[in-house]
Every structure is written in C-alpha cells, then in structure tokens.
Amino acid sequence: MQEKSLVQINNLFVEYTTNKGILGGKKIIHAVNGVSLDIHKGEILAIAGESGCGKSTLAKAILKLEPAKSGEILFNDKNILSLDKKELKDFRKHAQMVFQNPYASLNPKMKIIDILKEPLEINTNYSKEKILEIVKEKIKLVGLDENCLDLYPHEFSGGQRQRIAIARALVLNPEFILADEPVSALDVSIQAQVINLLKELKEKYNLTIILITHDMSVIEYLADRVAIMYLGEIVEIAQTEEIFKNPLHPYTKALLSSVPQINKTDKKIILKGDLPSPANPPKGCKFHTRCPYAMEKCKTCIPKESGIRHKVRCFIYD
C-alpha cells in the first residue's frame, strides 16, 4: 500500500543573488536545483549533507520563509507557493520550525510564558484561560516544570532552551515540524535528551518531522528515511536502514565512512577538494570533481534518478 504524502515537493528551484565584493556586480547562488521529494505522514525524514549543500535553504523554502524561483510545494494538495497572506497564515498553524540555535531563537526580553503564548494569541481566538492551559500542557510535554514559565531564556541551559523552542512549535498542534540542526549547537552530553524528545513526540502524536542535519549518527537513531543532498540536489533517498546497510551514491558512502563505529573495518573515504561554490557549480554531475569513480561522461552529462524505493542519481547504476 502506498504511503500517504503530507508534503510533496515537485521540481523546486531556489536561487538568490549576492554581491561579488568590492568590485561590484552580482552573482547568482543556485541553492536548490530541481528537488522533488515526498514527505510521508507520521515519518521522520532526514535531509543530510555537508554545510553549504542547500539543506537549510530547502527547509526555509518548504515553510515559504525563503522565496522559490519555480516548482511547487503541496501541503494537503495545496501549493503553498501560491497562497495569499491569509492562507499562508493558516498553513503556518500546521507547520512549525525549530531553529538551530536556541540561544538566538528565543526573545531574551520575553518570559517563557509570553514566548509560548504569542503564537496562540496571533493565530487563535482562544480565551486567556484556554491559552494558559495549552502553554502549561506543552511545557510539561517537553519535560519542564510549569514553574519555569515566569523565567527568562538566559536562566536556562542550551538543552532546556531547545526544549522550550520545541514547546513553542507544538502549541498550535502542527501536523509537521521542520527541525533545522536542532542539536548541533548543544553540548554532546545533552544532545541525546533533545533527540529522544523528538522521537517520543513522533511516536506518541504521529508527528511528521523533517530533520535537517549533517550528523549521520543522529540520522541512524532518529530518522525513518534519509535524503542525501549535494549542491542543491537530492542524490540518494531510501529507508534509513537501507542507506546505512547498502549506500549506493559515492557521496553517501563518503558521508557514512566518517561515522565512528565499533569494529569498523572500512577505510574512511577522503573526498578530493572542497564543496564547489553554488554560484559556479560544475557541469554534468555536480559531484564529479570530487568523486573517486568519476567517468568521462560524468563531466558533461547529468545522471537521471533510478530506482523505486531506493533512489539514486549516479551513472554507475545506469
């Protein structure tokens, strides 16, 4: 039986323009290039890749926080790129974001109670009593005591702040949450607490989570499926277990080779050079400049996606 898609991304392109520098002129950054992706209801889909590969831009585009050049993003069969202000406001009741840095995402001048009340006051007509009831419920849900509601963000640790950020995302009972590197700014000792909280929320409430991360260890523990992104393109996507057991794309193999494991015998794959600039991406397969298996046609031709449940873009599998 085919799984129901909550979000469908079809041929999405996101570009933006920056200044070249003191000499003037503009350059176009090709951040997301023709991405097509289905996000299933109740799953955790991880989008992985190096910094600069377009993960966060894709995440912001899904919530229309970053303008798209072309393509479509369907949520319950409605293209959010075509929504007017009123419709977009309604959409954002269903979709919330947890940002990377809990030290920057919470207003330092507001008490926690006001931070959590704000989305409800803006988006609902609930009574003050109902709003307070929801706030208390959500702060307990993320493992904090309601006594903390009268405190300010600076009075909490990084892990506690990220729990508060998750509670804020939950107050509107969204259908999906987009978590952009939710633990990368936290100490390793408290990352597991936040990761476990996300897993519990998904299992208890059938919450759909789009997880943006470069950490393959987090993905292995948390995600149901994983999409590997390189220079704005999805190069491989499959069930997490399948990706870890049988990676196909050379880039995926390189990412996995860097994950520490007990009794690991495979050598770490060292990629040649740095990630190319999205302002001047290579022709053909964008990975060919770093790929240990690159063929002549990789330099000029673009590989098509192959596979059904395990999809990959690579000429090796033609």
Protein backbone atom coordinates (compact mmCIF):
# COMPACT_ATOMS: atom_id res chain seq x y z
CA MET A 1 0.00 0.00 0.00
CA GLN A 2 1.34 3.41 -0.98
CA GLU A 3 2.11 5.69 1.97
CA LYS A 4 0.17 8.94 2.16
CA SER A 5 2.25 12.04 1.43
CA LEU A 6 1.67 15.02 3.69
CA VAL A 7 4.06 17.26 1.73
CA GLN A 8 5.04 16.88 -1.93
CA ILE A 9 7.89 18.92 -3.40
CA ASN A 10 7.98 18.98 -7.19
CA ASN A 11 10.93 20.29 -9.22
CA LEU A 12 11.77 23.06 -6.74
CA PHE A 13 14.37 25.70 -7.59
CA VAL A 14 15.62 28.34 -5.14
CA GLU A 15 18.12 30.98 -6.21
CA TYR A 16 19.30 34.20 -4.65
CA THR A 17 21.64 36.99 -5.66
CA THR A 18 24.61 38.30 -3.71
CA ASN A 19 27.20 40.99 -4.31
CA LYS A 20 30.52 39.81 -5.75
CA GLY A 21 32.52 42.10 -3.47
CA ILE A 22 34.32 45.41 -3.61
CA LEU A 23 34.48 45.30 -7.41
CA GLY A 24 30.70 45.27 -7.59
CA GLY A 25 28.46 43.08 -9.71
CA LYS A 26 26.13 40.28 -8.71
CA LYS A 27 26.37 36.52 -8.56
CA ILE A 28 23.54 34.01 -8.53
CA ILE A 29 23.59 31.30 -5.86
CA HIS A 30 21.89 28.11 -7.11
CA ALA A 31 20.85 26.87 -3.67
CA VAL A 32 18.17 24.29 -4.57
CA ASN A 33 18.13 22.70 -8.03
CA GLY A 34 15.08 20.76 -9.15
CA VAL A 35 14.38 18.95 -5.88
CA SER A 36 11.41 16.57 -5.87
CA LEU A 37 10.53 14.88 -2.60
CA ASP A 38 7.56 13.24 -0.86
CA ILE A 39 7.28 13.55 2.92
CA HIS A 40 5.01 10.86 4.38
CA LYS A 41 2.59 11.48 7.21
CA GLY A 42 3.98 10.37 10.57
CA GLU A 43 7.58 9.85 9.47
CA ILE A 44 10.87 11.48 10.33
CA LEU A 45 12.60 12.33 7.06
CA ALA A 46 16.21 13.44 7.42
CA ILE A 47 17.87 15.65 4.81
CA ALA A 48 21.62 15.22 5.10
CA GLY A 49 24.75 16.66 3.55
CA GLU A 50 27.70 18.94 4.14
CA SER A 51 27.32 22.56 5.20
CA GLY A 52 26.55 24.63 2.11
CA CYS A 53 24.71 21.87 0.22
CA GLY A 54 21.32 23.66 0.41
CA LYS A 55 19.64 21.79 3.30
CA SER A 56 18.61 24.84 5.32
CA THR A 57 17.53 26.77 2.22
CA LEU A 58 15.29 23.87 1.24
CA ALA A 59 13.86 23.80 4.77
CA LYS A 60 13.04 27.51 4.73
CA ALA A 61 11.53 27.23 1.25
CA ILE A 62 9.17 24.47 2.45
CA LEU A 63 7.74 26.94 5.01
CA LYS A 64 7.91 29.81 2.49
CA LEU A 65 10.49 31.60 4.63
CA GLU A 66 12.71 31.62 1.53
CA PRO A 67 11.21 32.52 -1.87
CA ALA A 68 11.31 29.83 -4.56
CA LYS A 69 12.17 30.59 -8.17
CA SER A 70 9.93 27.83 -9.54
CA GLY A 71 8.36 24.47 -8.75
CA GLU A 72 5.64 23.61 -6.27
CA ILE A 73 5.29 22.54 -2.66
CA LEU A 74 2.00 20.78 -1.99
CA PHE A 75 0.60 20.52 1.53
CA ASN A 76 -2.67 18.57 1.64
CA ASP A 77 -2.79 19.09 -2.15
CA LYS A 78 -2.49 22.91 -1.93
CA ASN A 79 0.54 24.65 -3.42
CA ILE A 80 1.88 26.81 -0.60
CA LEU A 81 3.90 28.89 -3.08
CA SER A 82 0.59 30.24 -4.41
CA LEU A 83 -1.04 31.02 -1.05
CA ASP A 84 -2.12 34.55 -0.20
CA LYS A 85 -1.34 36.11 3.20
CA LYS A 86 -4.47 34.76 4.90
CA GLU A 87 -3.95 31.25 3.52
CA LEU A 88 -0.26 31.30 4.42
CA LYS A 89 -1.09 32.27 8.00
CA ASP A 90 -3.45 29.29 8.19
CA PHE A 91 -0.78 26.98 6.70
CA ARG A 92 1.71 28.01 9.38
CA LYS A 93 -0.65 26.76 12.06
CA HIS A 94 0.01 23.30 10.60
CA ALA A 95 3.77 23.69 10.03
CA GLN A 96 6.30 24.95 12.56
CA MET A 97 10.09 25.24 12.69
CA VAL A 98 12.67 24.54 15.37
CA PHE A 99 15.81 26.53 14.61
CA GLN A 100 19.43 25.52 15.07
CA ASN A 101 20.49 27.99 17.73
CA PRO A 102 18.34 28.02 20.90
CA TYR A 103 20.36 30.98 22.16
CA ALA A 104 19.18 33.16 19.25
CA SER A 105 15.68 31.81 18.54
CA LEU A 106 14.10 32.88 21.86
CA ASN A 107 13.47 36.57 22.57
CA PRO A 108 15.68 37.41 25.60
CA LYS A 109 13.31 40.18 26.72
CA MET A 110 10.27 37.92 26.99
CA LYS A 111 9.35 35.49 29.75
CA ILE A 112 8.85 31.89 28.68
CA ILE A 113 5.11 32.13 29.28
CA ASP A 114 4.86 35.03 26.80
CA ILE A 115 7.06 33.26 24.23
CA LEU A 116 4.70 30.27 24.30
CA LYS A 117 1.51 32.33 24.41
CA GLU A 118 2.43 34.51 21.42
CA PRO A 119 1.64 32.00 18.60
CA LEU A 120 -1.73 31.24 20.19
CA GLU A 121 -2.61 34.92 20.62
CA ILE A 122 -1.74 35.63 16.99
CA ASN A 123 -3.32 32.57 15.37
CA THR A 124 -6.36 31.68 17.51
CA ASN A 125 -9.35 33.25 19.24
CA TYR A 126 -8.89 31.19 22.39
CA SER A 127 -9.66 32.67 25.79
CA LYS A 128 -6.81 33.61 28.14
CA GLU A 129 -7.66 30.61 30.27
CA LYS A 130 -7.52 28.22 27.31
CA ILE A 131 -4.19 29.67 26.14
CA LEU A 132 -2.67 29.28 29.61
CA GLU A 133 -3.94 25.70 29.79
CA ILE A 134 -2.25 24.85 26.45
CA VAL A 135 1.01 26.54 27.46
CA LYS A 136 1.20 24.57 30.70
CA GLU A 137 0.39 21.33 28.86
CA LYS A 138 3.14 21.83 26.25
CA ILE A 139 5.85 22.88 28.70
CA LYS A 140 5.19 19.68 30.68
CA LEU A 141 5.17 17.69 27.45
CA VAL A 142 8.80 18.66 26.75
CA GLY A 143 9.88 17.70 30.27
CA LEU A 144 9.95 21.09 32.01
CA ASP A 145 8.05 22.25 35.08
CA GLU A 146 5.40 24.96 34.72
CA ASN A 147 7.26 26.98 37.38
CA CYS A 148 9.77 27.86 34.66
CA LEU A 149 7.18 29.90 32.77
CA ASP A 150 7.96 33.05 34.75
CA LEU A 151 11.68 32.90 33.91
CA TYR A 152 13.65 34.41 31.01
CA PRO A 153 15.64 32.45 28.37
CA HIS A 154 19.04 33.36 29.86
CA GLU A 155 18.11 31.44 33.02
CA PHE A 156 18.14 28.12 31.14
CA SER A 157 20.78 25.81 29.69
CA GLY A 158 21.05 25.25 25.93
CA GLY A 159 19.20 21.94 26.12
CA GLN A 160 16.38 23.48 28.15
CA ARG A 161 16.11 26.37 25.70
CA GLN A 162 15.75 23.94 22.81
CA ARG A 163 13.00 22.13 24.74
CA ILE A 164 11.24 25.50 25.10
CA ALA A 165 11.65 26.10 21.37
CA ILE A 166 10.07 22.70 20.69
CA ALA A 167 7.20 23.53 23.09
CA ARG A 168 6.64 26.79 21.20
CA ALA A 169 6.47 24.82 17.94
CA LEU A 170 3.90 22.45 19.48
CA VAL A 171 1.41 24.94 20.96
CA LEU A 172 -0.56 25.17 17.70
CA ASN A 173 -0.69 21.36 17.35
CA PRO A 174 1.05 21.37 13.95
CA GLU A 175 0.92 18.42 11.56
CA PHE A 176 4.63 18.66 10.88
CA ILE A 177 7.72 20.25 12.35
CA LEU A 178 10.84 21.21 10.47
CA ALA A 179 13.89 20.87 12.74
CA ASP A 180 16.98 22.58 11.32
CA GLU A 181 20.12 21.13 13.00
CA PRO A 182 18.22 21.03 16.34
CA VAL A 183 21.13 19.64 18.40
CA SER A 184 24.27 20.87 16.61
CA ALA A 185 24.60 23.94 18.87
CA LEU A 186 24.27 21.85 22.04
CA ASP A 187 26.84 20.04 24.16
CA VAL A 188 27.18 16.37 23.24
CA SER A 189 26.12 15.42 26.77
CA ILE A 190 22.63 16.92 26.29
CA GLN A 191 22.08 16.25 22.57
CA ALA A 192 20.61 12.82 23.36
CA GLN A 193 17.90 14.36 25.56
CA VAL A 194 16.58 16.52 22.70
CA ILE A 195 16.91 13.68 20.17
CA ASN A 196 14.92 11.35 22.45
CA LEU A 197 12.26 14.03 22.95
CA LEU A 198 11.75 14.35 19.18
CA LYS A 199 11.49 10.57 18.87
CA GLU A 200 8.91 10.39 21.68
CA LEU A 201 6.80 13.18 20.15
CA LYS A 202 6.80 11.46 16.77
CA GLU A 203 5.74 8.11 18.25
CA LYS A 204 3.14 9.50 20.66
CA TYR A 205 1.43 12.01 18.35
CA ASN A 206 2.21 10.59 14.87
CA LEU A 207 4.01 13.86 14.24
CA THR A 208 5.75 14.35 10.90
CA ILE A 209 9.27 15.73 11.30
CA ILE A 210 11.65 16.98 8.61
CA LEU A 211 15.11 16.79 10.16
CA ILE A 212 17.93 18.85 8.65
CA THR A 213 21.32 17.61 9.81
CA HIS A 214 24.88 16.77 8.80
CA ASP A 215 25.20 14.23 11.63
CA MET A 216 24.75 10.71 10.27
CA SER A 217 24.76 9.22 13.80
CA VAL A 218 21.66 11.28 14.69
CA ILE A 219 20.00 10.15 11.46
CA GLU A 220 20.69 6.46 12.12
CA TYR A 221 19.00 6.67 15.52
CA LEU A 222 16.11 9.01 14.72
CA ALA A 223 15.06 9.00 11.05
CA ASP A 224 12.75 6.65 9.15
CA ARG A 225 14.08 7.75 5.76
CA VAL A 226 17.01 9.86 4.64
CA ALA A 227 17.59 12.05 1.59
CA ILE A 228 21.22 12.85 0.76
CA MET A 229 21.73 16.34 -0.66
CA TYR A 230 24.72 17.63 -2.63
CA LEU A 231 24.99 21.12 -4.15
CA GLY A 232 21.24 21.67 -4.14
CA GLU A 233 20.25 18.24 -5.49
CA ILE A 234 18.94 15.04 -3.89
CA VAL A 235 21.42 12.35 -4.98
CA GLU A 236 20.02 9.41 -2.98
CA ILE A 237 16.96 8.62 -0.88
CA ALA A 238 15.84 5.44 0.88
CA GLN A 239 14.84 3.97 4.23
CA THR A 240 17.48 4.81 6.83
CA GLU A 241 18.36 1.17 7.46
CA GLU A 242 18.83 0.60 3.73
CA ILE A 243 21.07 3.68 3.34
CA PHE A 244 23.33 2.52 6.16
CA LYS A 245 23.47 -1.11 5.00
CA ASN A 246 23.67 -0.51 1.26
CA PRO A 247 24.67 3.06 0.31
CA LEU A 248 24.79 3.50 -3.47
CA HIS A 249 25.96 7.01 -4.28
CA PRO A 250 29.71 7.66 -3.80
CA TYR A 251 28.88 10.80 -1.81
CA THR A 252 26.65 8.82 0.58
CA LYS A 253 29.44 6.27 1.03
CA ALA A 254 31.86 9.07 1.91
CA LEU A 255 29.46 10.58 4.48
CA LEU A 256 28.90 7.19 6.12
CA SER A 257 32.61 6.35 6.20
CA SER A 258 33.12 9.27 8.58
CA VAL A 259 30.66 7.90 11.17
CA PRO A 260 32.55 6.38 14.16
CA GLN A 261 31.61 2.72 14.73
CA ILE A 262 32.92 -0.10 16.91
CA ASN A 263 34.77 -2.83 14.96
CA LYS A 264 34.63 -0.76 11.80
CA THR A 265 36.94 -2.19 9.13
CA ASP A 266 36.19 0.00 6.09
CA LYS A 267 38.61 2.83 5.43
CA LYS A 268 37.42 6.40 5.70
CA ILE A 269 36.78 7.90 2.24
CA ILE A 270 38.54 11.25 1.86
CA LEU A 271 36.90 13.37 -0.81
CA LYS A 272 39.05 15.46 -3.12
CA GLY A 273 38.91 19.24 -2.60
CA ASP A 274 36.16 21.34 -1.06
CA LEU A 275 32.46 21.62 -1.85
CA PRO A 276 32.25 23.70 -5.08
CA SER A 277 30.55 27.08 -4.93
CA PRO A 278 26.79 27.00 -5.65
CA ALA A 279 27.43 30.22 -7.59
CA ASN A 280 29.57 28.29 -10.07
CA PRO A 281 28.63 24.59 -9.85
CA PRO A 282 30.40 22.01 -12.04
CA LYS A 283 28.76 20.93 -15.30
CA GLY A 284 27.40 17.43 -15.68
CA CYS A 285 27.21 15.50 -12.42
CA LYS A 286 27.97 18.10 -9.77
CA PHE A 287 29.87 15.54 -7.71
CA HIS A 288 32.31 14.50 -10.44
CA THR A 289 35.05 16.92 -9.30
CA ARG A 290 35.36 15.02 -6.00
CA CYS A 291 34.16 11.55 -6.97
CA PRO A 292 36.69 8.66 -6.84
CA TYR A 293 34.65 6.78 -9.50
CA ALA A 294 34.07 9.66 -11.98
CA MET A 295 33.83 8.68 -15.66
CA GLU A 296 34.27 10.90 -18.69
CA LYS A 297 30.54 11.33 -19.23
CA CYS A 298 30.13 12.50 -15.62
CA LYS A 299 31.84 15.75 -16.65
CA THR A 300 29.21 16.68 -19.24
CA CYS A 301 26.04 14.64 -18.67
CA ILE A 302 23.55 14.87 -15.79
CA PRO A 303 22.59 11.48 -14.28
CA LYS A 304 18.88 10.68 -14.03
CA GLU A 305 17.24 9.25 -10.94
CA SER A 306 16.85 5.48 -10.94
CA GLY A 307 15.24 3.03 -8.54
CA ILE A 308 11.83 2.88 -6.87
CA ARG A 309 12.07 2.67 -3.06
CA HIS A 310 15.83 3.21 -3.06
CA LYS A 311 16.50 6.06 -5.48
CA VAL A 312 19.91 7.27 -6.65
CA ARG A 313 21.38 9.67 -9.22
CA CYS A 314 24.59 8.11 -10.48
CA PHE A 315 25.86 6.73 -13.81
CA ILE A 316 27.31 3.69 -12.02
CA TYR A 317 23.74 2.34 -11.78
CA ASP A 318 22.62 3.09 -15.35
